[in-house]
C-alpha cells in the first residue's frame, strides 16, 4: 500500500463528501462560498475551485451562477449489469434496509409467463411482491416469479428478515442472467406503494436468472425515477 498522501484537492473533496454523507450538509443546503472554504480549510482558491468543480460533475453539488453552490439530491445507483442484494446496496450507503411483503403465493403460469420460463402454460409458479425501503423511504418494488423446481421452499421464507436474493443464492446459485432496462409510467398500485409524485416516471429492470440450464426467476425491479439511476461498468479487451 502506498504511503504517498492524497493530493490536497482530493482531501478537500473527501472532507466535503463526509459533510454530505454524515448529514451535516443536507440536500438543497447552500454550502460555504469558495472564499469561506479557503479560510476554513487553509488551502488555495484554485484547490477549492477544482474540488467543487469535480464534485459538481460527480453529482454531489449543484452550482448556480450568481447564487451559490448547493448540496445536490444524490441519486442512489442500482446495478444494471450486476445481480446484487438490495439490502447490501443500502447498507453500503450507510442506511437501513427494511421490507414489506405484499404478496407471497403460488399460481398457474399464463402463456406469456410460461414462455419466459420455457415451461408449459398452467404449470405452477411461485410469486412474490415486496417493497424495499431505505430509511423508511420506498425505493424498490420487487415483483418476482420463481420456478418451484429450483426453489421448493420459497413460500415458507420470511422475506422481512432476508431478501429473496439471499435465499435464492443459497438454493439455486446464479450462473447466468439477462437484463432489460425500461423507463415507464407506473400504474396506480405501483405509484401508491412507492409513494410517487403525480406523473413521476419509474425505472424498471426486467431480469431473468438461470441456474445451469434452468430459468430460476423472472422479475421486475421498479425504482422511483426521481431518486435512482442505473450504473453499469464493463471492460474491453484488445
Protein backbone atom coordinates (compact mmCIF):
# COMPACT_ATOMS: atom_id res chain seq x y z
CA UNK A 1 0.00 0.00 0.00
CA UNK A 2 1.34 3.43 -0.93
CA UNK A 3 2.23 5.91 1.83
CA UNK A 4 2.01 8.86 -0.55
CA UNK A 5 -0.67 11.24 0.77
CA UNK A 6 -3.62 12.07 -1.46
CA UNK A 7 -3.44 15.37 -3.38
CA UNK A 8 -4.79 18.34 -1.46
CA UNK A 9 -7.83 18.79 -3.73
CA UNK A 10 -8.75 15.11 -3.17
CA UNK A 11 -8.60 15.62 0.60
CA UNK A 12 -10.83 18.68 0.22
CA UNK A 13 -13.28 16.60 -1.83
CA UNK A 14 -13.35 13.87 0.84
CA UNK A 15 -13.94 16.44 3.57
CA UNK A 16 -16.93 17.85 1.67
CA UNK A 17 -18.30 14.38 0.86
CA UNK A 18 -18.00 13.50 4.55
CA UNK A 19 -20.09 16.56 5.46
CA UNK A 20 -22.77 15.41 2.99
CA UNK A 21 -22.79 11.73 3.93
CA UNK A 22 -22.94 12.37 7.67
CA UNK A 23 -25.88 14.71 7.16
CA UNK A 24 -24.05 17.79 8.38
CA UNK A 25 -24.83 19.32 4.99
CA UNK A 26 -28.34 18.43 3.85
CA UNK A 27 -29.68 18.22 0.26
CA UNK A 28 -30.52 21.69 -1.16
CA UNK A 29 -28.47 23.39 1.58
CA UNK A 30 -26.19 26.20 0.41
CA UNK A 31 -22.57 25.40 1.31
CA UNK A 32 -19.90 27.95 2.28
CA UNK A 33 -18.52 30.10 -0.53
CA UNK A 34 -15.12 29.47 -2.11
CA UNK A 35 -13.64 32.30 -0.02
CA UNK A 36 -15.11 30.87 3.17
CA UNK A 37 -13.77 27.40 2.35
CA UNK A 38 -10.33 28.85 1.61
CA UNK A 39 -10.27 30.44 5.07
CA UNK A 40 -11.80 27.42 6.81
CA UNK A 41 -9.59 24.76 5.23
CA UNK A 42 -6.42 26.79 4.77
CA UNK A 43 -5.86 25.86 1.11
CA UNK A 44 -5.67 27.86 -2.10
CA UNK A 45 -8.67 29.11 -4.01
CA UNK A 46 -7.52 27.08 -7.04
CA UNK A 47 -7.66 23.90 -4.95
CA UNK A 48 -11.16 24.70 -3.66
CA UNK A 49 -12.35 25.55 -7.17
CA UNK A 50 -11.10 22.24 -8.58
CA UNK A 51 -12.68 20.24 -5.76
CA UNK A 52 -16.04 21.98 -6.22
CA UNK A 53 -15.96 21.54 -10.00
CA UNK A 54 -15.26 17.82 -9.73
CA UNK A 55 -17.89 17.29 -7.02
CA UNK A 56 -20.40 19.08 -9.23
CA UNK A 57 -19.61 16.85 -12.22
CA UNK A 58 -19.86 13.79 -9.94
CA UNK A 59 -23.34 14.80 -8.79
CA UNK A 60 -22.61 15.77 -5.18
CA UNK A 61 -23.06 19.52 -5.66
CA UNK A 62 -25.17 21.88 -7.74
CA UNK A 63 -23.58 25.23 -8.68
CA UNK A 64 -25.86 28.14 -9.65
CA UNK A 65 -24.18 31.13 -11.26
CA UNK A 66 -24.53 34.23 -9.08
CA UNK A 67 -26.43 32.32 -6.39
CA UNK A 68 -24.04 29.83 -4.84
CA UNK A 69 -23.23 26.14 -4.50
CA UNK A 70 -25.78 23.72 -3.03
CA UNK A 71 -25.83 20.09 -1.91
CA UNK A 72 -27.44 18.04 -4.67
CA UNK A 73 -30.18 15.49 -4.12
CA UNK A 74 -27.98 12.44 -4.53
CA UNK A 75 -29.46 9.66 -6.61
CA UNK A 76 -28.64 6.17 -5.46
CA UNK A 77 -27.23 3.74 -8.01
CA UNK A 78 -28.91 0.50 -8.97
CA UNK A 79 -26.57 -2.04 -10.55
CA UNK A 80 -27.57 -2.52 -14.18
CA UNK A 81 -25.11 -5.20 -15.26
CA UNK A 82 -24.84 -6.97 -11.90
CA UNK A 83 -27.23 -9.01 -9.77
CA UNK A 84 -26.87 -7.73 -6.22
CA UNK A 85 -28.69 -7.88 -2.92
CA UNK A 86 -30.57 -4.59 -2.43
CA UNK A 87 -30.14 -4.90 1.34
CA UNK A 88 -26.36 -4.89 0.86
CA UNK A 89 -26.52 -1.93 -1.53
CA UNK A 90 -28.45 0.10 1.04
CA UNK A 91 -26.13 -0.94 3.88
CA UNK A 92 -23.10 0.16 1.82
CA UNK A 93 -24.61 3.64 1.68
CA UNK A 94 -24.74 3.62 5.48
CA UNK A 95 -28.54 3.38 5.51
CA UNK A 96 -31.10 0.98 6.98
CA UNK A 97 -32.96 -1.57 4.85
CA UNK A 98 -36.43 -2.92 5.62
CA UNK A 99 -39.12 -4.58 3.54
CA UNK A 100 -42.84 -5.26 3.37
CA UNK A 101 -44.32 -8.34 1.69
CA UNK A 102 -47.40 -7.53 -0.40
CA UNK A 103 -47.88 -10.99 -1.94
CA UNK A 104 -46.43 -14.48 -1.48
CA UNK A 105 -48.39 -17.16 -3.33
CA UNK A 106 -48.49 -19.92 -5.92
CA UNK A 107 -50.27 -19.54 -9.25
CA UNK A 108 -50.67 -21.14 -12.66
CA UNK A 109 -48.49 -19.72 -15.41
CA UNK A 110 -50.36 -17.98 -18.21
CA UNK A 111 -48.97 -18.27 -21.73
CA UNK A 112 -46.71 -15.17 -21.70
CA UNK A 113 -45.15 -16.04 -18.36
CA UNK A 114 -44.81 -19.71 -19.32
CA UNK A 115 -42.93 -18.66 -22.43
CA UNK A 116 -40.48 -16.60 -20.35
CA UNK A 117 -39.79 -19.64 -18.16
CA UNK A 118 -39.77 -22.02 -21.12
CA UNK A 119 -42.46 -24.17 -19.48
CA UNK A 120 -45.99 -25.24 -20.44
CA UNK A 121 -48.94 -22.94 -19.63
CA UNK A 122 -50.74 -23.99 -16.47
CA UNK A 123 -47.65 -25.13 -14.62
CA UNK A 124 -47.22 -23.85 -11.06
CA UNK A 125 -45.02 -20.86 -10.30
CA UNK A 126 -44.36 -19.01 -7.07
CA UNK A 127 -44.98 -15.26 -6.95
CA UNK A 128 -43.80 -12.60 -4.53
CA UNK A 129 -44.25 -8.84 -4.46
CA UNK A 130 -42.08 -6.95 -1.97
CA UNK A 131 -41.47 -3.27 -1.28
CA UNK A 132 -37.92 -2.44 -0.18
CA UNK A 133 -37.29 0.62 1.98
CA UNK A 134 -34.20 2.74 2.59
CA UNK A 135 -34.53 4.57 5.91
CA UNK A 136 -38.33 4.05 5.66
CA UNK A 137 -38.48 5.52 2.12
CA UNK A 138 -39.75 3.05 -0.52
CA UNK A 139 -37.04 2.64 -3.15
CA UNK A 140 -37.87 -0.59 -4.99
CA UNK A 141 -40.92 -2.67 -5.83
CA UNK A 142 -39.76 -6.23 -6.49
CA UNK A 143 -42.29 -8.28 -8.48
CA UNK A 144 -40.83 -11.80 -8.82
CA UNK A 145 -41.89 -15.16 -10.24
CA UNK A 146 -39.93 -18.24 -9.19
CA UNK A 147 -39.58 -21.78 -10.55
CA UNK A 148 -40.67 -24.14 -7.71
CA UNK A 149 -38.41 -26.90 -9.00
CA UNK A 150 -35.38 -24.76 -8.23
CA UNK A 151 -36.68 -23.15 -5.01
CA UNK A 152 -39.26 -25.50 -3.46
CA UNK A 153 -39.38 -23.75 -0.05
CA UNK A 154 -39.75 -20.23 -1.43
CA UNK A 155 -43.23 -19.67 0.02
CA UNK A 156 -42.08 -20.67 3.51
CA UNK A 157 -39.46 -17.89 3.74
CA UNK A 158 -39.80 -14.75 5.85
CA UNK A 159 -38.75 -12.06 3.38
CA UNK A 160 -38.95 -9.34 6.00
CA UNK A 161 -35.85 -10.90 7.58
CA UNK A 162 -33.88 -11.74 4.44
CA UNK A 163 -34.30 -10.93 0.79
CA UNK A 164 -35.28 -13.34 -1.99
CA UNK A 165 -31.78 -12.75 -3.37
CA UNK A 166 -30.23 -14.26 -0.22
CA UNK A 167 -32.45 -17.34 -0.25
CA UNK A 168 -32.13 -17.97 -3.99
CA UNK A 169 -28.35 -17.57 -3.87
CA UNK A 170 -28.28 -20.47 -1.43
CA UNK A 171 -30.64 -22.90 -3.15
CA UNK A 172 -30.06 -22.07 -6.84
CA UNK A 173 -26.87 -20.02 -7.29
CA UNK A 174 -26.89 -17.74 -10.30
CA UNK A 175 -24.99 -19.00 -13.35
CA UNK A 176 -26.42 -16.60 -15.98
CA UNK A 177 -28.67 -13.57 -16.16
CA UNK A 178 -30.49 -11.29 -18.57
CA UNK A 179 -31.47 -7.64 -18.06
CA UNK A 180 -33.80 -5.36 -19.99
CA UNK A 181 -33.97 -1.74 -18.79
CA UNK A 182 -37.03 0.44 -19.42
CA UNK A 183 -38.48 3.77 -18.37
CA UNK A 184 -42.25 3.75 -17.88
CA UNK A 185 -45.22 5.44 -16.22
CA UNK A 186 -46.36 3.36 -13.21
CA UNK A 187 -49.93 2.31 -12.60
CA UNK A 188 -51.94 3.41 -9.55
CA UNK A 189 -50.85 0.44 -7.43
CA UNK A 190 -47.16 0.95 -8.17
CA UNK A 191 -47.47 4.69 -7.60
CA UNK A 192 -49.11 4.14 -4.22
CA UNK A 193 -46.65 1.60 -2.80
CA UNK A 194 -43.64 3.63 -3.96
CA UNK A 195 -45.16 6.91 -2.68
CA UNK A 196 -44.58 8.57 -6.05
CA UNK A 197 -45.43 12.13 -7.00
CA UNK A 198 -48.08 12.57 -9.73
CA UNK A 199 -46.63 11.90 -13.19
CA UNK A 200 -43.28 10.75 -11.74
CA UNK A 201 -41.76 8.10 -14.05
CA UNK A 202 -40.04 4.92 -12.95
CA UNK A 203 -37.02 2.91 -13.99
CA UNK A 204 -37.54 -0.82 -14.40
CA UNK A 205 -35.14 -3.72 -14.77
CA UNK A 206 -36.71 -6.85 -16.26
CA UNK A 207 -34.50 -9.68 -15.06
CA UNK A 208 -34.29 -13.39 -15.80
CA UNK A 209 -31.81 -15.60 -13.99
CA UNK A 210 -30.60 -19.14 -14.65
CA UNK A 211 -29.09 -21.92 -12.57
CA UNK A 212 -27.30 -24.18 -15.04
CA UNK A 213 -29.81 -24.82 -17.85
CA UNK A 214 -33.00 -23.90 -15.96
CA UNK A 215 -34.60 -20.47 -15.52
CA UNK A 216 -34.98 -19.77 -11.79
CA UNK A 217 -36.69 -16.36 -11.70
CA UNK A 218 -38.40 -13.75 -13.84
CA UNK A 219 -38.58 -10.42 -12.03
CA UNK A 220 -39.48 -6.78 -12.50
CA UNK A 221 -37.49 -4.41 -10.27
CA UNK A 222 -39.17 -0.99 -10.23
CA UNK A 223 -37.40 2.14 -8.93
CA UNK A 224 -38.68 5.72 -8.46
CA UNK A 225 -37.13 7.74 -11.27
CA UNK A 226 -36.55 10.76 -9.04
CA UNK A 227 -34.09 9.04 -6.70
CA UNK A 228 -32.42 6.28 -8.71
CA UNK A 229 -30.14 5.98 -11.69
CA UNK A 230 -28.67 2.84 -13.20
CA UNK A 231 -24.95 2.17 -13.30
CA UNK A 232 -23.15 -0.39 -15.43
CA UNK A 233 -19.41 -0.99 -15.69
CA UNK A 234 -17.63 -3.04 -18.35
CA UNK A 235 -14.14 -3.77 -19.60
CA UNK A 236 -12.90 -4.03 -23.16
CA UNK A 237 -10.11 -6.26 -24.37
CA UNK A 238 -7.72 -5.56 -27.17
